[in-house]
Amino acid sequence: MVAVLMGVSGNLQVKASEGKSGSFTQEAAMWGIGTMMAIYIAGGISGAHCNPMVSISLTVFRGFPFRKCIIYIAAQCAGAITAVFIVYGIYKDAINALDPHKTTGNESTSTGTAFFTLPASFATPVTAFFTDFTSAAVMLGTILALGDDKNAPPGAGMHALIIAIIGFAMACTLGYNTGPQTNPAKDLATRLVPWIVGYGSEMWESAWWVEAWTAAVAGGLFGSLVYDLAIFEGPESPVNYPRVKRKRARKGTKGKWFKTGLFGKSKKQGAKKDLEDGTIGILDPTREKRLDGH
């Protein structure tokens, strides 16, 4: 909620003041800073995914529970919608003063695109799709790198700041064609709320929102896949340890424990040592925790 609140507020301040109280650089910075604030506020409780793209990618490539993924996405969408309603309430008078008819075109007085993104008039659907796809891929690959202890992770408390810089960089370099649009929850909220308050239905036309969501999720998954194929070495990724091998190792471990648990203390201790050494099952030495559940 905080990330969308700060980002949309930044957009509307620039638009409602007709550029007198900021610029595109300020808008891009506020999306990054808003994300940083959200991570510092909620990171210790939930991990502050802030984006369905992140939750889905972590579910596929880092074992984040699917049930929690659904709950997180619902919470992200609800928070984003709440944030946009708050921002609209704050800037309602400024919007009515500049754009009383709530237009969504390219005119200097149009405030619709301060909420939601649309492709530039010169951008083809293919160009628009791959702009957001590339943004999402780069962002997710970098986020996974920040959480990889075997790579070059930042110091404690620095993750949020670096992610803010990443978001700022993506907006400054890949934002001209489409916005950019790499957060489906934010995209839903910034279309739904303006539609409810009277901006018409142009934000739903041409089904750009479907393409934007697809590009964000597909780009995030692709960026995660490339990172795991090229760099990541941990067993959490299905690229490094396929599901079939996980099941096979788990069955073997249960069988060993069953046999040694019934016949003598020494055999049971030997099996326990095998588990701790990683001879049986899957051992992650960096976490001192086996992925087989023992």
C-alpha atoms as a PDB file:
ATOM      1  CA  MET A   1       0.000   0.000   0.000  1.00  0.00           C
ATOM      2  CA  VAL A   2       2.771   2.447   0.953  1.00  0.00           C
ATOM      3  CA  ALA A   3       4.644   1.965  -2.325  1.00  0.00           C
ATOM      4  CA  VAL A   4       1.553   2.739  -4.425  1.00  0.00           C
ATOM      5  CA  LEU A   5       0.529   5.605  -2.135  1.00  0.00           C
ATOM      6  CA  MET A   6       3.870   7.360  -2.577  1.00  0.00           C
ATOM      7  CA  GLY A   7       4.174   6.584  -6.284  1.00  0.00           C
ATOM      8  CA  VAL A   8       0.729   7.742  -7.364  1.00  0.00           C
ATOM      9  CA  SER A   9       1.000  10.796  -5.105  1.00  0.00           C
ATOM     10  CA  GLY A  10       4.237  11.724  -6.846  1.00  0.00           C
ATOM     11  CA  ASN A  11       2.598  11.332 -10.257  1.00  0.00           C
ATOM     12  CA  LEU A  12      -0.392  13.474  -9.323  1.00  0.00           C
ATOM     13  CA  GLN A  13       1.678  16.223  -7.712  1.00  0.00           C
ATOM     14  CA  VAL A  14       3.631  16.661 -10.932  1.00  0.00           C
ATOM     15  CA  LYS A  15       0.540  16.416 -13.146  1.00  0.00           C
ATOM     16  CA  ALA A  16      -1.804  18.584 -11.058  1.00  0.00           C
ATOM     17  CA  SER A  17       0.809  21.328 -10.747  1.00  0.00           C
ATOM     18  CA  GLU A  18       1.499  21.118 -14.500  1.00  0.00           C
ATOM     19  CA  GLY A  19       5.151  20.459 -13.809  1.00  0.00           C
ATOM     20  CA  LYS A  20       5.621  23.338 -11.388  1.00  0.00           C
ATOM     21  CA  SER A  21       6.105  21.036  -8.383  1.00  0.00           C
ATOM     22  CA  GLY A  22       8.253  18.322  -9.899  1.00  0.00           C
ATOM     23  CA  SER A  23       9.294  16.412 -12.981  1.00  0.00           C
ATOM     24  CA  PHE A  24       9.413  12.865 -14.380  1.00  0.00           C
ATOM     25  CA  THR A  25      12.618  12.274 -12.432  1.00  0.00           C
ATOM     26  CA  GLN A  26      10.742  13.026  -9.225  1.00  0.00           C
ATOM     27  CA  GLU A  27       7.960  10.636 -10.207  1.00  0.00           C
ATOM     28  CA  ALA A  28      10.469   7.845 -10.867  1.00  0.00           C
ATOM     29  CA  ALA A  29      12.255   8.533  -7.588  1.00  0.00           C
ATOM     30  CA  MET A  30       9.039   8.384  -5.574  1.00  0.00           C
ATOM     31  CA  TRP A  31       8.181   4.927  -6.887  1.00  0.00           C
ATOM     32  CA  GLY A  32      11.588   3.720  -5.765  1.00  0.00           C
ATOM     33  CA  ILE A  33      11.460   5.483  -2.404  1.00  0.00           C
ATOM     34  CA  GLY A  34       7.904   4.284  -1.801  1.00  0.00           C
ATOM     35  CA  THR A  35       9.014   0.688  -2.349  1.00  0.00           C
ATOM     36  CA  MET A  36      11.923   1.225   0.049  1.00  0.00           C
ATOM     37  CA  MET A  37       9.554   2.561   2.714  1.00  0.00           C
ATOM     38  CA  ALA A  38       7.250  -0.432   2.278  1.00  0.00           C
ATOM     39  CA  ILE A  39      10.142  -2.870   2.672  1.00  0.00           C
ATOM     40  CA  TYR A  40      11.407  -1.177   5.824  1.00  0.00           C
ATOM     41  CA  ILE A  41       7.881  -1.132   7.284  1.00  0.00           C
ATOM     42  CA  ALA A  42       6.777  -4.702   6.484  1.00  0.00           C
ATOM     43  CA  GLY A  43       9.937  -6.564   5.496  1.00  0.00           C
ATOM     44  CA  GLY A  44      10.448  -8.156   8.898  1.00  0.00           C
ATOM     45  CA  ILE A  45       6.904  -9.534   9.035  1.00  0.00           C
ATOM     46  CA  SER A  46       6.104 -10.648   5.498  1.00  0.00           C
ATOM     47  CA  GLY A  47       9.202 -10.059   3.412  1.00  0.00           C
ATOM     48  CA  ALA A  48       7.408  -7.082   1.793  1.00  0.00           C
ATOM     49  CA  HIS A  49       7.016  -8.627  -1.667  1.00  0.00           C
ATOM     50  CA  CYS A  50       4.877  -5.604  -2.672  1.00  0.00           C
ATOM     51  CA  ASN A  51       4.361  -7.122  -6.131  1.00  0.00           C
ATOM     52  CA  PRO A  52       2.585 -10.272  -7.406  1.00  0.00           C
ATOM     53  CA  MET A  53       5.444 -10.696  -9.867  1.00  0.00           C
ATOM     54  CA  VAL A  54       7.827 -11.196  -6.936  1.00  0.00           C
ATOM     55  CA  SER A  55       5.510 -13.574  -5.056  1.00  0.00           C
ATOM     56  CA  ILE A  56       4.905 -15.757  -8.122  1.00  0.00           C
ATOM     57  CA  SER A  57       8.590 -15.929  -9.011  1.00  0.00           C
ATOM     58  CA  LEU A  58       9.562 -16.868  -5.440  1.00  0.00           C
ATOM     59  CA  THR A  59       6.877 -19.563  -5.425  1.00  0.00           C
ATOM     60  CA  VAL A  60       8.253 -21.132  -8.597  1.00  0.00           C
ATOM     61  CA  PHE A  61      11.980 -20.722  -7.943  1.00  0.00           C
ATOM     62  CA  ARG A  62      12.430 -20.494  -4.168  1.00  0.00           C
ATOM     63  CA  GLY A  63       9.771 -22.750  -2.712  1.00  0.00           C
ATOM     64  CA  PHE A  64       7.507 -20.009  -1.365  1.00  0.00           C
ATOM     65  CA  PRO A  65       4.216 -21.768  -0.451  1.00  0.00           C
ATOM     66  CA  PHE A  66       1.537 -21.523  -3.124  1.00  0.00           C
ATOM     67  CA  ARG A  67      -1.191 -20.946  -0.525  1.00  0.00           C
ATOM     68  CA  LYS A  68       0.704 -17.965   0.888  1.00  0.00           C
ATOM     69  CA  CYS A  69       1.336 -16.689  -2.625  1.00  0.00           C
ATOM     70  CA  ILE A  70      -2.419 -16.405  -3.224  1.00  0.00           C
ATOM     71  CA  ILE A  71      -2.907 -14.633   0.117  1.00  0.00           C
ATOM     72  CA  TYR A  72      -0.028 -12.248  -0.588  1.00  0.00           C
ATOM     73  CA  ILE A  73      -1.377 -11.326  -4.022  1.00  0.00           C
ATOM     74  CA  ALA A  74      -4.831 -10.657  -2.577  1.00  0.00           C
ATOM     75  CA  ALA A  75      -3.288  -8.465   0.121  1.00  0.00           C
ATOM     76  CA  GLN A  76      -1.157  -6.614  -2.427  1.00  0.00           C
ATOM     77  CA  CYS A  77      -4.185  -5.855  -4.590  1.00  0.00           C
ATOM     78  CA  ALA A  78      -6.289  -4.758  -1.593  1.00  0.00           C
ATOM     79  CA  GLY A  79      -3.498  -2.520  -0.315  1.00  0.00           C
ATOM     80  CA  ALA A  80      -2.935  -0.951  -3.729  1.00  0.00           C
ATOM     81  CA  ILE A  81      -6.655  -0.224  -4.196  1.00  0.00           C
ATOM     82  CA  THR A  82      -6.839   1.354  -0.738  1.00  0.00           C
ATOM     83  CA  ALA A  83      -3.800   3.498  -1.521  1.00  0.00           C
ATOM     84  CA  VAL A  84      -5.248   4.825  -4.784  1.00  0.00           C
ATOM     85  CA  PHE A  85      -8.523   5.739  -3.075  1.00  0.00           C
ATOM     86  CA  ILE A  86      -6.555   7.652  -0.435  1.00  0.00           C
ATOM     87  CA  VAL A  87      -4.518   9.509  -3.053  1.00  0.00           C
ATOM     88  CA  TYR A  88      -7.635  10.389  -5.039  1.00  0.00           C
ATOM     89  CA  GLY A  89      -9.242  11.793  -1.908  1.00  0.00           C
ATOM     90  CA  ILE A  90      -6.170  13.923  -1.179  1.00  0.00           C
ATOM     91  CA  TYR A  91      -5.851  15.249  -4.740  1.00  0.00           C
ATOM     92  CA  LYS A  92      -9.542  15.427  -5.639  1.00  0.00           C
ATOM     93  CA  ASP A  93      -9.697  19.235  -5.451  1.00  0.00           C
ATOM     94  CA  ALA A  94      -6.524  19.647  -7.505  1.00  0.00           C
ATOM     95  CA  ILE A  95      -7.841  17.204 -10.121  1.00  0.00           C
ATOM     96  CA  ASN A  96     -11.166  19.035 -10.368  1.00  0.00           C
ATOM     97  CA  ALA A  97      -9.398  22.378 -10.737  1.00  0.00           C
ATOM     98  CA  LEU A  98      -7.190  21.169 -13.597  1.00  0.00           C
ATOM     99  CA  ASP A  99      -9.279  18.442 -15.209  1.00  0.00           C
ATOM    100  CA  PRO A 100     -12.934  18.683 -14.124  1.00  0.00           C
ATOM    101  CA  HIS A 101     -14.068  16.237 -16.822  1.00  0.00           C
ATOM    102  CA  LYS A 102     -11.521  13.586 -15.739  1.00  0.00           C
ATOM    103  CA  THR A 103      -9.936  12.970 -19.118  1.00  0.00           C
ATOM    104  CA  THR A 104      -7.440  10.271 -20.046  1.00  0.00           C
ATOM    105  CA  GLY A 105      -5.845  11.607 -23.225  1.00  0.00           C
ATOM    106  CA  ASN A 106      -2.419  13.071 -23.938  1.00  0.00           C
ATOM    107  CA  GLU A 107      -3.398  16.672 -23.253  1.00  0.00           C
ATOM    108  CA  SER A 108      -1.353  18.601 -20.709  1.00  0.00           C
ATOM    109  CA  THR A 109      -4.408  18.936 -18.485  1.00  0.00           C
ATOM    110  CA  SER A 110      -5.379  15.251 -18.621  1.00  0.00           C
ATOM    111  CA  THR A 111      -4.900  13.550 -15.252  1.00  0.00           C
ATOM    112  CA  GLY A 112      -5.909   9.975 -16.091  1.00  0.00           C
ATOM    113  CA  THR A 113      -2.413   8.799 -16.974  1.00  0.00           C
ATOM    114  CA  ALA A 114      -1.148  10.043 -13.622  1.00  0.00           C
ATOM    115  CA  PHE A 115      -2.973   6.992 -12.262  1.00  0.00           C
ATOM    116  CA  PHE A 116      -2.589   4.292 -14.899  1.00  0.00           C
ATOM    117  CA  THR A 117      -0.158   3.531 -17.713  1.00  0.00           C
ATOM    118  CA  LEU A 118      -0.884   3.265 -21.419  1.00  0.00           C
ATOM    119  CA  PRO A 119       1.608   2.567 -24.220  1.00  0.00           C
ATOM    120  CA  ALA A 120       2.927   5.612 -26.036  1.00  0.00           C
ATOM    121  CA  SER A 121       1.132   6.338 -29.310  1.00  0.00           C
ATOM    122  CA  PHE A 122       4.212   5.343 -31.319  1.00  0.00           C
ATOM    123  CA  ALA A 123       4.816   2.048 -29.471  1.00  0.00           C
ATOM    124  CA  THR A 124       3.598  -1.133 -31.157  1.00  0.00           C
ATOM    125  CA  PRO A 125       2.123  -3.903 -28.972  1.00  0.00           C
ATOM    126  CA  VAL A 126       5.290  -5.983 -29.421  1.00  0.00           C
ATOM    127  CA  THR A 127       7.523  -3.102 -28.360  1.00  0.00           C
ATOM    128  CA  ALA A 128       5.317  -2.320 -25.370  1.00  0.00           C
ATOM    129  CA  PHE A 129       5.210  -5.969 -24.274  1.00  0.00           C
ATOM    130  CA  PHE A 130       8.957  -6.504 -24.405  1.00  0.00           C
ATOM    131  CA  THR A 131       9.637  -3.189 -22.694  1.00  0.00           C
ATOM    132  CA  ASP A 132       7.765  -4.357 -19.608  1.00  0.00           C
ATOM    133  CA  PHE A 133       9.058  -7.923 -20.018  1.00  0.00           C
ATOM    134  CA  THR A 134      12.653  -6.658 -19.945  1.00  0.00           C
ATOM    135  CA  SER A 135      12.000  -4.389 -16.971  1.00  0.00           C
ATOM    136  CA  ALA A 136      10.514  -7.266 -14.973  1.00  0.00           C
ATOM    137  CA  ALA A 137      13.295  -9.695 -15.921  1.00  0.00           C
ATOM    138  CA  VAL A 138      16.065  -7.322 -14.893  1.00  0.00           C
ATOM    139  CA  MET A 139      14.305  -6.414 -11.666  1.00  0.00           C
ATOM    140  CA  LEU A 140      13.646 -10.003 -10.552  1.00  0.00           C
ATOM    141  CA  GLY A 141      17.119 -11.184 -11.481  1.00  0.00           C
ATOM    142  CA  THR A 142      18.597  -8.398  -9.370  1.00  0.00           C
ATOM    143  CA  ILE A 143      16.260  -9.094  -6.443  1.00  0.00           C
ATOM    144  CA  LEU A 144      17.303 -12.760  -6.419  1.00  0.00           C
ATOM    145  CA  ALA A 145      20.946 -11.706  -6.523  1.00  0.00           C
ATOM    146  CA  LEU A 146      20.403  -9.538  -3.443  1.00  0.00           C
ATOM    147  CA  GLY A 147      19.133 -12.576  -1.552  1.00  0.00           C
ATOM    148  CA  ASP A 148      21.891 -14.951  -2.690  1.00  0.00           C
ATOM    149  CA  ASP A 149      24.380 -15.429   0.157  1.00  0.00           C
ATOM    150  CA  LYS A 150      26.918 -17.007  -2.187  1.00  0.00           C
ATOM    151  CA  ASN A 151      26.943 -14.024  -4.506  1.00  0.00           C
ATOM    152  CA  ALA A 152      27.694 -10.510  -3.231  1.00  0.00           C
ATOM    153  CA  PRO A 153      24.753  -9.620  -0.961  1.00  0.00           C
ATOM    154  CA  PRO A 154      24.586  -6.126   0.551  1.00  0.00           C
ATOM    155  CA  GLY A 155      25.011  -5.423   4.247  1.00  0.00           C
ATOM    156  CA  ALA A 156      22.208  -5.707   6.759  1.00  0.00           C
ATOM    157  CA  GLY A 157      19.410  -3.232   6.140  1.00  0.00           C
ATOM    158  CA  MET A 158      20.679  -2.197   2.713  1.00  0.00           C
ATOM    159  CA  HIS A 159      18.390  -4.357   0.579  1.00  0.00           C
ATOM    160  CA  ALA A 160      15.517  -1.872   0.632  1.00  0.00           C
ATOM    161  CA  LEU A 161      17.732   1.032  -0.423  1.00  0.00           C
ATOM    162  CA  ILE A 162      19.215  -0.923  -3.314  1.00  0.00           C
ATOM    163  CA  ILE A 163      15.780  -2.074  -4.501  1.00  0.00           C
ATOM    164  CA  ALA A 164      14.687   1.579  -4.429  1.00  0.00           C
ATOM    165  CA  ILE A 165      17.618   2.480  -6.663  1.00  0.00           C
ATOM    166  CA  ILE A 166      16.728  -0.403  -8.996  1.00  0.00           C
ATOM    167  CA  GLY A 167      13.123   0.804  -9.279  1.00  0.00           C
ATOM    168  CA  PHE A 168      14.314   4.340  -9.974  1.00  0.00           C
ATOM    169  CA  ALA A 169      16.718   3.080 -12.643  1.00  0.00           C
ATOM    170  CA  MET A 170      14.031   0.987 -14.355  1.00  0.00           C
ATOM    171  CA  ALA A 171      11.649   3.962 -14.542  1.00  0.00           C
ATOM    172  CA  CYS A 172      14.383   6.286 -15.835  1.00  0.00           C
ATOM    173  CA  THR A 173      15.650   3.914 -18.531  1.00  0.00           C
ATOM    174  CA  LEU A 174      12.673   1.743 -19.543  1.00  0.00           C
ATOM    175  CA  GLY A 175       9.751   4.008 -18.737  1.00  0.00           C
ATOM    176  CA  TYR A 176       9.331   5.953 -21.949  1.00  0.00           C
ATOM    177  CA  ASN A 177       7.378   3.389 -23.979  1.00  0.00           C
ATOM    178  CA  THR A 178       4.944   2.131 -21.359  1.00  0.00           C
ATOM    179  CA  GLY A 179       5.320   3.803 -18.003  1.00  0.00           C
ATOM    180  CA  PRO A 180       6.769   1.230 -17.114  1.00  0.00           C
ATOM    181  CA  GLN A 181       4.317  -1.347 -15.758  1.00  0.00           C
ATOM    182  CA  THR A 182       5.922  -4.151 -13.726  1.00  0.00           C
ATOM    183  CA  ASN A 183       3.468  -4.451 -10.818  1.00  0.00           C
ATOM    184  CA  PRO A 184       0.105  -6.129 -11.606  1.00  0.00           C
ATOM    185  CA  ALA A 185      -1.398  -5.146  -8.229  1.00  0.00           C
ATOM    186  CA  LYS A 186      -0.571  -1.487  -8.796  1.00  0.00           C
ATOM    187  CA  ASP A 187      -1.856  -1.747 -12.375  1.00  0.00           C
ATOM    188  CA  LEU A 188      -5.194  -3.189 -11.250  1.00  0.00           C
ATOM    189  CA  ALA A 189      -5.685  -0.546  -8.568  1.00  0.00           C
ATOM    190  CA  THR A 190      -4.760   2.398 -10.776  1.00  0.00           C
ATOM    191  CA  ARG A 191      -7.289   1.313 -13.403  1.00  0.00           C
ATOM    192  CA  LEU A 192     -10.092   0.186 -11.126  1.00  0.00           C
ATOM    193  CA  VAL A 193     -10.268   3.253  -8.881  1.00  0.00           C
ATOM    194  CA  PRO A 194     -10.239   5.870 -11.704  1.00  0.00           C
ATOM    195  CA  TRP A 195     -12.920   3.839 -13.482  1.00  0.00           C
ATOM    196  CA  ILE A 196     -15.038   3.912 -10.310  1.00  0.00           C
ATOM    197  CA  VAL A 197     -14.610   7.674  -9.736  1.00  0.00           C
ATOM    198  CA  GLY A 198     -15.534   8.655 -13.273  1.00  0.00           C
ATOM    199  CA  TYR A 199     -12.583   8.516 -15.662  1.00  0.00           C
ATOM    200  CA  GLY A 200     -14.507   6.461 -18.200  1.00  0.00           C
ATOM    201  CA  SER A 201     -13.383   3.106 -19.572  1.00  0.00           C
ATOM    202  CA  GLU A 202     -10.413   3.998 -21.762  1.00  0.00           C
ATOM    203  CA  MET A 203      -8.036   2.360 -19.289  1.00  0.00           C
ATOM    204  CA  TRP A 204      -9.606  -1.020 -20.140  1.00  0.00           C
ATOM    205  CA  GLU A 205      -9.663  -0.571 -23.906  1.00  0.00           C
ATOM    206  CA  SER A 206      -7.460  -2.659 -26.215  1.00  0.00           C
ATOM    207  CA  ALA A 207      -6.893  -5.029 -23.276  1.00  0.00           C
ATOM    208  CA  TRP A 208      -3.500  -3.433 -22.618  1.00  0.00           C
ATOM    209  CA  TRP A 209      -3.816  -4.372 -18.958  1.00  0.00           C
ATOM    210  CA  VAL A 210      -3.790  -8.085 -19.894  1.00  0.00           C
ATOM    211  CA  GLU A 211      -0.644  -7.632 -21.946  1.00  0.00           C
ATOM    212  CA  ALA A 212       0.978  -5.605 -19.157  1.00  0.00           C
ATOM    213  CA  TRP A 213       0.221  -8.229 -16.516  1.00  0.00           C
ATOM    214  CA  THR A 214       1.443 -11.037 -18.748  1.00  0.00           C
ATOM    215  CA  ALA A 215       4.649  -9.172 -19.577  1.00  0.00           C
ATOM    216  CA  ALA A 216       5.368  -8.479 -15.897  1.00  0.00           C
ATOM    217  CA  VAL A 217       4.812 -12.049 -14.682  1.00  0.00           C
ATOM    218  CA  ALA A 218       6.500 -13.707 -17.672  1.00  0.00           C
ATOM    219  CA  GLY A 219       9.436 -11.298 -17.450  1.00  0.00           C
ATOM    220  CA  GLY A 220       9.867 -11.976 -13.753  1.00  0.00           C
ATOM    221  CA  LEU A 221       9.855 -15.736 -14.284  1.00  0.00           C
ATOM    222  CA  PHE A 222      12.306 -15.429 -17.167  1.00  0.00           C
ATOM    223  CA  GLY A 223      14.679 -13.260 -15.148  1.00  0.00           C
ATOM    224  CA  SER A 224      14.545 -15.751 -12.276  1.00  0.00           C
ATOM    225  CA  LEU A 225      15.207 -18.658 -14.626  1.00  0.00           C
ATOM    226  CA  VAL A 226      18.214 -16.978 -16.226  1.00  0.00           C
ATOM    227  CA  TYR A 227      19.681 -16.126 -12.822  1.00  0.00           C
ATOM    228  CA  ASP A 228      19.286 -19.685 -11.560  1.00  0.00           C
ATOM    229  CA  LEU A 229      20.686 -21.209 -14.742  1.00  0.00           C
ATOM    230  CA  ALA A 230      23.693 -18.935 -14.895  1.00  0.00           C
ATOM    231  CA  ILE A 231      24.575 -18.074 -11.284  1.00  0.00           C
ATOM    232  CA  PHE A 232      22.513 -19.536  -8.434  1.00  0.00           C
ATOM    233  CA  GLU A 233      23.847 -22.752  -6.854  1.00  0.00           C
ATOM    234  CA  GLY A 234      21.426 -23.353  -3.993  1.00  0.00           C
ATOM    235  CA  PRO A 235      19.174 -26.428  -3.812  1.00  0.00           C
ATOM    236  CA  GLU A 236      16.033 -24.301  -3.331  1.00  0.00           C
ATOM    237  CA  SER A 237      15.747 -23.782  -7.075  1.00  0.00           C
ATOM    238  CA  PRO A 238      14.092 -26.477  -9.220  1.00  0.00           C
ATOM    239  CA  VAL A 239      16.790 -25.726 -11.803  1.00  0.00           C
ATOM    240  CA  ASN A 240      19.477 -27.059  -9.457  1.00  0.00           C
ATOM    241  CA  TYR A 241      17.499 -29.824  -7.791  1.00  0.00           C
ATOM    242  CA  PRO A 242      14.524 -31.134  -9.786  1.00  0.00           C
ATOM    243  CA  ARG A 243      11.368 -32.224  -7.991  1.00  0.00           C
ATOM    244  CA  VAL A 244      11.894 -35.895  -8.949  1.00  0.00           C
ATOM    245  CA  LYS A 245      15.213 -36.001  -7.130  1.00  0.00           C
ATOM    246  CA  ARG A 246      13.691 -34.326  -4.106  1.00  0.00           C
ATOM    247  CA  LYS A 247      11.018 -37.018  -3.857  1.00  0.00           C
ATOM    248  CA  ARG A 248      13.539 -39.816  -4.384  1.00  0.00           C
ATOM    249  CA  ALA A 249      15.825 -38.492  -1.655  1.00  0.00           C
ATOM    250  CA  ARG A 250      12.909 -38.040   0.729  1.00  0.00           C
ATOM    251  CA  LYS A 251      11.739 -41.614   0.245  1.00  0.00           C
ATOM    252  CA  GLY A 252      15.254 -42.944   0.787  1.00  0.00           C
ATOM    253  CA  THR A 253      15.659 -41.002   4.001  1.00  0.00           C
ATOM    254  CA  LYS A 254      12.350 -42.219   5.437  1.00  0.00           C
ATOM    255  CA  GLY A 255      13.284 -45.787   4.587  1.00  0.00           C
ATOM    256  CA  LYS A 256      16.642 -45.505   6.312  1.00  0.00           C
ATOM    257  CA  TRP A 257      15.118 -44.042   9.444  1.00  0.00           C
ATOM    258  CA  PHE A 258      12.465 -46.768   9.531  1.00  0.00           C
ATOM    259  CA  LYS A 259      15.065 -49.541   9.423  1.00  0.00           C
ATOM    260  CA  THR A 260      17.512 -48.078  11.930  1.00  0.00           C
ATOM    261  CA  GLY A 261      14.818 -46.896  14.299  1.00  0.00           C
ATOM    262  CA  LEU A 262      13.660 -50.466  14.937  1.00  0.00           C
ATOM    263  CA  PHE A 263      17.007 -52.212  15.260  1.00  0.00           C
ATOM    264  CA  GLY A 264      19.426 -50.826  17.785  1.00  0.00           C
ATOM    265  CA  LYS A 265      20.718 -47.534  19.027  1.00  0.00           C
ATOM    266  CA  SER A 266      24.012 -47.669  17.103  1.00  0.00           C
ATOM    267  CA  LYS A 267      22.309 -48.007  13.727  1.00  0.00           C
ATOM    268  CA  LYS A 268      19.976 -45.169  14.558  1.00  0.00           C
ATOM    269  CA  GLN A 269      22.913 -42.937  15.513  1.00  0.00           C
ATOM    270  CA  GLY A 270      24.695 -43.925  12.311  1.00  0.00           C
ATOM    271  CA  ALA A 271      21.696 -42.960  10.233  1.00  0.00           C
ATOM    272  CA  LYS A 272      21.440 -39.643  12.062  1.00  0.00           C
ATOM    273  CA  LYS A 273      25.083 -38.952  11.283  1.00  0.00           C
ATOM    274  CA  ASP A 274      24.425 -39.762   7.611  1.00  0.00           C
ATOM    275  CA  LEU A 275      21.624 -37.220   7.571  1.00  0.00           C
ATOM    276  CA  GLU A 276      23.767 -34.545   9.195  1.00  0.00           C
ATOM    277  CA  ASP A 277      26.668 -35.186   6.818  1.00  0.00           C
ATOM    278  CA  GLY A 278      24.394 -34.999   3.818  1.00  0.00           C
ATOM    279  CA  THR A 279      24.989 -38.618   2.830  1.00  0.00           C
ATOM    280  CA  ILE A 280      21.237 -39.190   2.826  1.00  0.00           C
ATOM    281  CA  GLY A 281      18.648 -36.567   1.929  1.00  0.00           C
ATOM    282  CA  ILE A 282      19.359 -33.016   0.909  1.00  0.00           C
ATOM    283  CA  LEU A 283      21.617 -30.921   3.110  1.00  0.00           C
ATOM    284  CA  ASP A 284      21.974 -27.187   2.896  1.00  0.00           C
ATOM    285  CA  PRO A 285      25.186 -26.541   4.832  1.00  0.00           C
ATOM    286  CA  THR A 286      24.714 -22.759   4.865  1.00  0.00           C
ATOM    287  CA  ARG A 287      21.467 -23.059   6.796  1.00  0.00           C
ATOM    288  CA  GLU A 288      22.038 -26.277   8.725  1.00  0.00           C
ATOM    289  CA  LYS A 289      18.636 -27.416   7.572  1.00  0.00           C
ATOM    290  CA  ARG A 290      17.710 -30.356   5.378  1.00  0.00           C
ATOM    291  CA  LEU A 291      15.046 -29.847   2.750  1.00  0.00           C
ATOM    292  CA  ASP A 292      13.684 -33.340   3.364  1.00  0.00           C
ATOM    293  CA  GLY A 293      11.991 -32.238   6.593  1.00  0.00           C
ATOM    294  CA  HIS A 294      14.353 -33.894   9.131  1.00  0.00           C
END
